[in-house]
Amino acid sequence: MKTNLEGQYKNINENLINACRKGDRKAQFELYKQYSKAMYNTSFRILKDSAEAEDVVQEGFLKAFQNLESYSGTVSFGAWLKKIIINASLDIMRKRKLEFENIDELKVQVFDQETTNNEDEIEYKVEQVKKAIYSLPDGYRIVLSLYLLEGYDHDEISEILGVAASTSRSQLVRARKKLLELLQDNNEKF
């Protein structure tokens, strides 16, 4: 979307957001319906726990609605909300005493992806990749999810997690290597 003359993001939900600022419960429910599933998926990829992810989404929306006056409109509402959800999810991980390894960059062997036209086989492979991702250590899984699935770059991940960008890069490299190992162990090629 284009920005307006004041440099703010022109949000497609601007009317709903303004109604929410006035305490309109129906508008809040509409925003919740639009964003709750995506926010749940974001939180679940970090936490690997459905109940905790649901709690984070509920608390994240409450926090967003309570602090809607601080939403400046320079980014989309979804991006602003996602940051709240990610930070809340990471707070839970920190409570679990999440530790990141500081390691040197590793070279990862890349395998050719097997091509297939069989949808059942593709679906099976997708499920295997999901299971392998969820079995990664927390630090690896979080960086991999933020980078590959959420689209953050290493500088952004560094800021979100409070680690050096080089740590984010090394965690991603290690995560990819571990993911490949897990998939190979299951006779799957990535």
C-alpha atoms as a PDB file:
ATOM      1  CA  MET A   1       0.000   0.000   0.000  1.00  0.00           C
ATOM      2  CA  LYS A   2       1.077   3.559  -0.484  1.00  0.00           C
ATOM      3  CA  THR A   3       1.708   5.923   2.353  1.00  0.00           C
ATOM      4  CA  ASN A   4      -0.247   9.107   2.777  1.00  0.00           C
ATOM      5  CA  LEU A   5       1.292  12.577   2.810  1.00  0.00           C
ATOM      6  CA  GLU A   6       2.166  12.315   6.507  1.00  0.00           C
ATOM      7  CA  GLY A   7       4.301   9.213   5.875  1.00  0.00           C
ATOM      8  CA  GLN A   8       1.885   6.851   7.569  1.00  0.00           C
ATOM      9  CA  TYR A   9       0.792   3.488   6.263  1.00  0.00           C
ATOM     10  CA  LYS A  10      -2.700   3.594   4.730  1.00  0.00           C
ATOM     11  CA  ASN A  11      -4.295   0.663   6.528  1.00  0.00           C
ATOM     12  CA  ILE A  12      -7.184  -1.161   4.874  1.00  0.00           C
ATOM     13  CA  ASN A  13      -8.691  -1.592   8.349  1.00  0.00           C
ATOM     14  CA  GLU A  14      -8.460   2.070   9.290  1.00  0.00           C
ATOM     15  CA  ASN A  15     -12.190   2.362   9.994  1.00  0.00           C
ATOM     16  CA  LEU A  16     -12.143  -0.712  12.237  1.00  0.00           C
ATOM     17  CA  ILE A  17      -9.064   0.562  14.053  1.00  0.00           C
ATOM     18  CA  ASN A  18     -10.669   3.944  14.657  1.00  0.00           C
ATOM     19  CA  ALA A  19     -13.812   2.233  15.963  1.00  0.00           C
ATOM     20  CA  CYS A  20     -11.646   0.084  18.255  1.00  0.00           C
ATOM     21  CA  ARG A  21     -10.002   3.221  19.611  1.00  0.00           C
ATOM     22  CA  LYS A  22     -13.507   4.311  20.646  1.00  0.00           C
ATOM     23  CA  GLY A  23     -14.058   0.985  22.437  1.00  0.00           C
ATOM     24  CA  ASP A  24     -16.335  -0.603  19.817  1.00  0.00           C
ATOM     25  CA  ARG A  25     -16.451  -4.321  20.752  1.00  0.00           C
ATOM     26  CA  LYS A  26     -17.839  -5.382  17.360  1.00  0.00           C
ATOM     27  CA  ALA A  27     -14.898  -3.708  15.612  1.00  0.00           C
ATOM     28  CA  GLN A  28     -12.495  -5.439  18.006  1.00  0.00           C
ATOM     29  CA  PHE A  29     -14.111  -8.777  17.215  1.00  0.00           C
ATOM     30  CA  GLU A  30     -13.810  -8.115  13.475  1.00  0.00           C
ATOM     31  CA  LEU A  31     -10.081  -7.398  13.789  1.00  0.00           C
ATOM     32  CA  TYR A  32      -9.728 -10.469  15.962  1.00  0.00           C
ATOM     33  CA  LYS A  33     -11.447 -12.638  13.332  1.00  0.00           C
ATOM     34  CA  GLN A  34      -9.192 -11.242  10.599  1.00  0.00           C
ATOM     35  CA  TYR A  35      -5.894 -11.737  12.402  1.00  0.00           C
ATOM     36  CA  SER A  36      -6.281 -14.396  15.119  1.00  0.00           C
ATOM     37  CA  LYS A  37      -5.442 -17.450  13.010  1.00  0.00           C
ATOM     38  CA  ALA A  38      -2.282 -15.915  11.544  1.00  0.00           C
ATOM     39  CA  MET A  39      -1.198 -14.687  14.992  1.00  0.00           C
ATOM     40  CA  TYR A  40      -1.842 -18.126  16.489  1.00  0.00           C
ATOM     41  CA  ASN A  41       0.297 -19.752  13.786  1.00  0.00           C
ATOM     42  CA  THR A  42       3.087 -17.253  14.419  1.00  0.00           C
ATOM     43  CA  SER A  43       3.037 -17.928  18.153  1.00  0.00           C
ATOM     44  CA  PHE A  44       2.716 -21.706  17.741  1.00  0.00           C
ATOM     45  CA  ARG A  45       5.772 -21.852  15.479  1.00  0.00           C
ATOM     46  CA  ILE A  46       7.772 -20.253  18.272  1.00  0.00           C
ATOM     47  CA  LEU A  47       6.272 -22.014  21.290  1.00  0.00           C
ATOM     48  CA  LYS A  48       5.331 -25.472  19.959  1.00  0.00           C
ATOM     49  CA  ASP A  49       2.465 -25.477  22.463  1.00  0.00           C
ATOM     50  CA  SER A  50      -1.126 -24.946  21.382  1.00  0.00           C
ATOM     51  CA  ALA A  51      -2.454 -23.783  24.760  1.00  0.00           C
ATOM     52  CA  GLU A  52       0.384 -21.317  25.255  1.00  0.00           C
ATOM     53  CA  ALA A  53      -0.039 -19.999  21.708  1.00  0.00           C
ATOM     54  CA  GLU A  54      -3.763 -19.477  22.322  1.00  0.00           C
ATOM     55  CA  ASP A  55      -2.977 -17.611  25.558  1.00  0.00           C
ATOM     56  CA  VAL A  56      -0.433 -15.443  23.770  1.00  0.00           C
ATOM     57  CA  VAL A  57      -2.955 -14.548  21.079  1.00  0.00           C
ATOM     58  CA  GLN A  58      -5.601 -13.613  23.655  1.00  0.00           C
ATOM     59  CA  GLU A  59      -3.168 -11.563  25.721  1.00  0.00           C
ATOM     60  CA  GLY A  60      -1.637 -10.043  22.581  1.00  0.00           C
ATOM     61  CA  PHE A  61      -4.993  -8.804  21.329  1.00  0.00           C
ATOM     62  CA  LEU A  62      -5.850  -7.406  24.770  1.00  0.00           C
ATOM     63  CA  LYS A  63      -2.523  -5.581  24.855  1.00  0.00           C
ATOM     64  CA  ALA A  64      -3.035  -4.306  21.313  1.00  0.00           C
ATOM     65  CA  PHE A  65      -6.522  -2.997  22.056  1.00  0.00           C
ATOM     66  CA  GLN A  66      -5.371  -1.400  25.324  1.00  0.00           C
ATOM     67  CA  ASN A  67      -2.445   0.283  23.579  1.00  0.00           C
ATOM     68  CA  LEU A  68      -4.115   1.123  20.286  1.00  0.00           C
ATOM     69  CA  GLU A  69      -3.355   4.804  20.823  1.00  0.00           C
ATOM     70  CA  SER A  70       0.335   3.957  20.433  1.00  0.00           C
ATOM     71  CA  TYR A  71      -0.308   2.446  16.991  1.00  0.00           C
ATOM     72  CA  SER A  72       1.103   5.185  14.784  1.00  0.00           C
ATOM     73  CA  GLY A  73       0.030   3.776  11.438  1.00  0.00           C
ATOM     74  CA  THR A  74       3.559   3.763   9.989  1.00  0.00           C
ATOM     75  CA  VAL A  75       3.211   0.002   9.386  1.00  0.00           C
ATOM     76  CA  SER A  76       0.210  -2.204   8.786  1.00  0.00           C
ATOM     77  CA  PHE A  77      -1.889  -3.164  11.787  1.00  0.00           C
ATOM     78  CA  GLY A  78      -1.017  -6.816  11.115  1.00  0.00           C
ATOM     79  CA  ALA A  79       2.723  -6.103  11.264  1.00  0.00           C
ATOM     80  CA  TRP A  80       2.282  -4.112  14.476  1.00  0.00           C
ATOM     81  CA  LEU A  81       0.182  -6.889  16.021  1.00  0.00           C
ATOM     82  CA  LYS A  82       2.612  -9.583  14.860  1.00  0.00           C
ATOM     83  CA  LYS A  83       5.433  -7.825  16.687  1.00  0.00           C
ATOM     84  CA  ILE A  84       3.347  -7.870  19.887  1.00  0.00           C
ATOM     85  CA  ILE A  85       2.618 -11.591  19.430  1.00  0.00           C
ATOM     86  CA  ILE A  86       6.247 -12.466  18.668  1.00  0.00           C
ATOM     87  CA  ASN A  87       7.501 -10.510  21.679  1.00  0.00           C
ATOM     88  CA  ALA A  88       4.926 -12.164  23.966  1.00  0.00           C
ATOM     89  CA  SER A  89       5.887 -15.605  22.622  1.00  0.00           C
ATOM     90  CA  LEU A  90       9.564 -14.880  23.128  1.00  0.00           C
ATOM     91  CA  ASP A  91       8.875 -13.725  26.689  1.00  0.00           C
ATOM     92  CA  ILE A  92       7.458 -17.176  27.392  1.00  0.00           C
ATOM     93  CA  MET A  93      10.489 -18.796  25.784  1.00  0.00           C
ATOM     94  CA  ARG A  94      12.780 -16.634  27.927  1.00  0.00           C
ATOM     95  CA  LYS A  95      10.916 -17.847  30.978  1.00  0.00           C
ATOM     96  CA  ARG A  96      11.827 -21.349  29.817  1.00  0.00           C
ATOM     97  CA  LYS A  97      15.421 -20.110  29.963  1.00  0.00           C
ATOM     98  CA  LEU A  98      15.985 -20.156  26.233  1.00  0.00           C
ATOM     99  CA  GLU A  99      19.646 -19.957  25.457  1.00  0.00           C
ATOM    100  CA  PHE A 100      21.231 -19.222  22.124  1.00  0.00           C
ATOM    101  CA  GLU A 101      24.521 -20.697  21.132  1.00  0.00           C
ATOM    102  CA  ASN A 102      27.232 -18.402  19.832  1.00  0.00           C
ATOM    103  CA  ILE A 103      28.890 -20.398  17.092  1.00  0.00           C
ATOM    104  CA  ASP A 104      30.892 -19.829  13.950  1.00  0.00           C
ATOM    105  CA  GLU A 105      29.227 -20.057  10.563  1.00  0.00           C
ATOM    106  CA  LEU A 106      29.001 -23.603   9.227  1.00  0.00           C
ATOM    107  CA  LYS A 107      28.944 -24.803   5.658  1.00  0.00           C
ATOM    108  CA  VAL A 108      25.789 -26.736   4.871  1.00  0.00           C
ATOM    109  CA  GLN A 109      25.595 -29.385   2.198  1.00  0.00           C
ATOM    110  CA  VAL A 110      22.670 -28.701  -0.127  1.00  0.00           C
ATOM    111  CA  PHE A 111      20.692 -31.591  -1.549  1.00  0.00           C
ATOM    112  CA  ASP A 112      18.722 -31.622  -4.761  1.00  0.00           C
ATOM    113  CA  GLN A 113      15.008 -31.532  -4.083  1.00  0.00           C
ATOM    114  CA  GLU A 114      13.232 -34.586  -5.401  1.00  0.00           C
ATOM    115  CA  THR A 115      10.463 -33.618  -7.787  1.00  0.00           C
ATOM    116  CA  THR A 116       7.116 -35.351  -7.800  1.00  0.00           C
ATOM    117  CA  ASN A 117       3.629 -34.795  -9.137  1.00  0.00           C
ATOM    118  CA  ASN A 118       1.922 -36.967  -6.542  1.00  0.00           C
ATOM    119  CA  GLU A 119      -0.040 -34.664  -4.196  1.00  0.00           C
ATOM    120  CA  ASP A 120      -0.238 -37.283  -1.430  1.00  0.00           C
ATOM    121  CA  GLU A 121       3.527 -37.686  -1.524  1.00  0.00           C
ATOM    122  CA  ILE A 122       4.007 -33.914  -1.423  1.00  0.00           C
ATOM    123  CA  GLU A 123       1.613 -33.619   1.514  1.00  0.00           C
ATOM    124  CA  TYR A 124       3.483 -36.408   3.299  1.00  0.00           C
ATOM    125  CA  LYS A 125       6.767 -34.576   2.764  1.00  0.00           C
ATOM    126  CA  VAL A 126       5.302 -31.308   4.041  1.00  0.00           C
ATOM    127  CA  GLU A 127       4.173 -33.084   7.213  1.00  0.00           C
ATOM    128  CA  GLN A 128       7.644 -34.586   7.622  1.00  0.00           C
ATOM    129  CA  VAL A 129       9.243 -31.139   7.286  1.00  0.00           C
ATOM    130  CA  LYS A 130       6.795 -29.682   9.829  1.00  0.00           C
ATOM    131  CA  LYS A 131       7.568 -32.473  12.301  1.00  0.00           C
ATOM    132  CA  ALA A 132      11.279 -31.994  11.775  1.00  0.00           C
ATOM    133  CA  ILE A 133      10.989 -28.231  12.330  1.00  0.00           C
ATOM    134  CA  TYR A 134       9.016 -28.747  15.542  1.00  0.00           C
ATOM    135  CA  SER A 135      11.659 -31.166  16.796  1.00  0.00           C
ATOM    136  CA  LEU A 136      14.461 -28.603  16.395  1.00  0.00           C
ATOM    137  CA  PRO A 137      15.933 -27.079  19.560  1.00  0.00           C
ATOM    138  CA  ASP A 138      14.095 -23.888  20.544  1.00  0.00           C
ATOM    139  CA  GLY A 139      16.798 -21.443  19.459  1.00  0.00           C
ATOM    140  CA  TYR A 140      17.131 -23.043  16.046  1.00  0.00           C
ATOM    141  CA  ARG A 141      13.364 -23.331  15.506  1.00  0.00           C
ATOM    142  CA  ILE A 142      12.680 -19.729  16.485  1.00  0.00           C
ATOM    143  CA  VAL A 143      15.332 -18.220  14.213  1.00  0.00           C
ATOM    144  CA  LEU A 144      14.339 -20.529  11.348  1.00  0.00           C
ATOM    145  CA  SER A 145      10.668 -19.568  11.768  1.00  0.00           C
ATOM    146  CA  LEU A 146      11.345 -15.852  12.031  1.00  0.00           C
ATOM    147  CA  TYR A 147      13.644 -15.914   8.998  1.00  0.00           C
ATOM    148  CA  LEU A 148      11.939 -18.358   6.628  1.00  0.00           C
ATOM    149  CA  LEU A 149       8.302 -18.196   7.653  1.00  0.00           C
ATOM    150  CA  GLU A 150       7.850 -14.692   9.049  1.00  0.00           C
ATOM    151  CA  GLY A 151      10.236 -13.006   6.606  1.00  0.00           C
ATOM    152  CA  TYR A 152      12.441 -11.126   9.059  1.00  0.00           C
ATOM    153  CA  ASP A 153      16.064 -10.431   8.149  1.00  0.00           C
ATOM    154  CA  HIS A 154      18.949 -11.095  10.537  1.00  0.00           C
ATOM    155  CA  ASP A 155      19.124  -7.506  11.763  1.00  0.00           C
ATOM    156  CA  GLU A 156      15.422  -7.605  12.648  1.00  0.00           C
ATOM    157  CA  ILE A 157      15.781 -11.012  14.320  1.00  0.00           C
ATOM    158  CA  SER A 158      18.764  -9.665  16.215  1.00  0.00           C
ATOM    159  CA  GLU A 159      16.652  -6.805  17.533  1.00  0.00           C
ATOM    160  CA  ILE A 160      13.670  -9.023  18.374  1.00  0.00           C
ATOM    161  CA  LEU A 161      15.710 -11.655  20.218  1.00  0.00           C
ATOM    162  CA  GLY A 162      18.298  -9.358  21.716  1.00  0.00           C
ATOM    163  CA  VAL A 163      21.217 -11.241  20.157  1.00  0.00           C
ATOM    164  CA  ALA A 164      23.883 -10.289  17.645  1.00  0.00           C
ATOM    165  CA  ALA A 165      23.004 -10.550  13.949  1.00  0.00           C
ATOM    166  CA  SER A 166      25.893 -13.011  13.605  1.00  0.00           C
ATOM    167  CA  THR A 167      24.227 -15.209  16.233  1.00  0.00           C
ATOM    168  CA  SER A 168      21.012 -15.128  14.238  1.00  0.00           C
ATOM    169  CA  ARG A 169      22.915 -16.142  11.091  1.00  0.00           C
ATOM    170  CA  SER A 170      24.736 -18.946  12.854  1.00  0.00           C
ATOM    171  CA  GLN A 171      21.517 -20.212  14.445  1.00  0.00           C
ATOM    172  CA  LEU A 172      19.910 -20.301  10.994  1.00  0.00           C
ATOM    173  CA  VAL A 173      22.826 -22.209   9.521  1.00  0.00           C
ATOM    174  CA  ARG A 174      22.764 -24.689  12.404  1.00  0.00           C
ATOM    175  CA  ALA A 175      18.975 -25.000  12.140  1.00  0.00           C
ATOM    176  CA  ARG A 176      19.159 -25.789   8.431  1.00  0.00           C
ATOM    177  CA  LYS A 177      21.901 -28.346   9.005  1.00  0.00           C
ATOM    178  CA  LYS A 178      19.973 -30.015  11.822  1.00  0.00           C
ATOM    179  CA  LEU A 179      16.783 -29.969   9.757  1.00  0.00           C
ATOM    180  CA  LEU A 180      18.564 -31.683   6.873  1.00  0.00           C
ATOM    181  CA  GLU A 181      19.927 -34.316   9.262  1.00  0.00           C
ATOM    182  CA  LEU A 182      16.471 -34.971  10.688  1.00  0.00           C
ATOM    183  CA  LEU A 183      14.954 -35.275   7.234  1.00  0.00           C
ATOM    184  CA  GLN A 184      17.747 -37.589   6.075  1.00  0.00           C
ATOM    185  CA  ASP A 185      17.197 -39.757   9.139  1.00  0.00           C
ATOM    186  CA  ASN A 186      13.610 -40.138   7.956  1.00  0.00           C
ATOM    187  CA  ASN A 187      14.800 -40.990   4.432  1.00  0.00           C
ATOM    188  CA  GLU A 188      13.545 -37.612   3.235  1.00  0.00           C
ATOM    189  CA  LYS A 189      15.569 -35.173   1.183  1.00  0.00           C
ATOM    190  CA  PHE A 190      15.100 -31.439   1.572  1.00  0.00           C
END
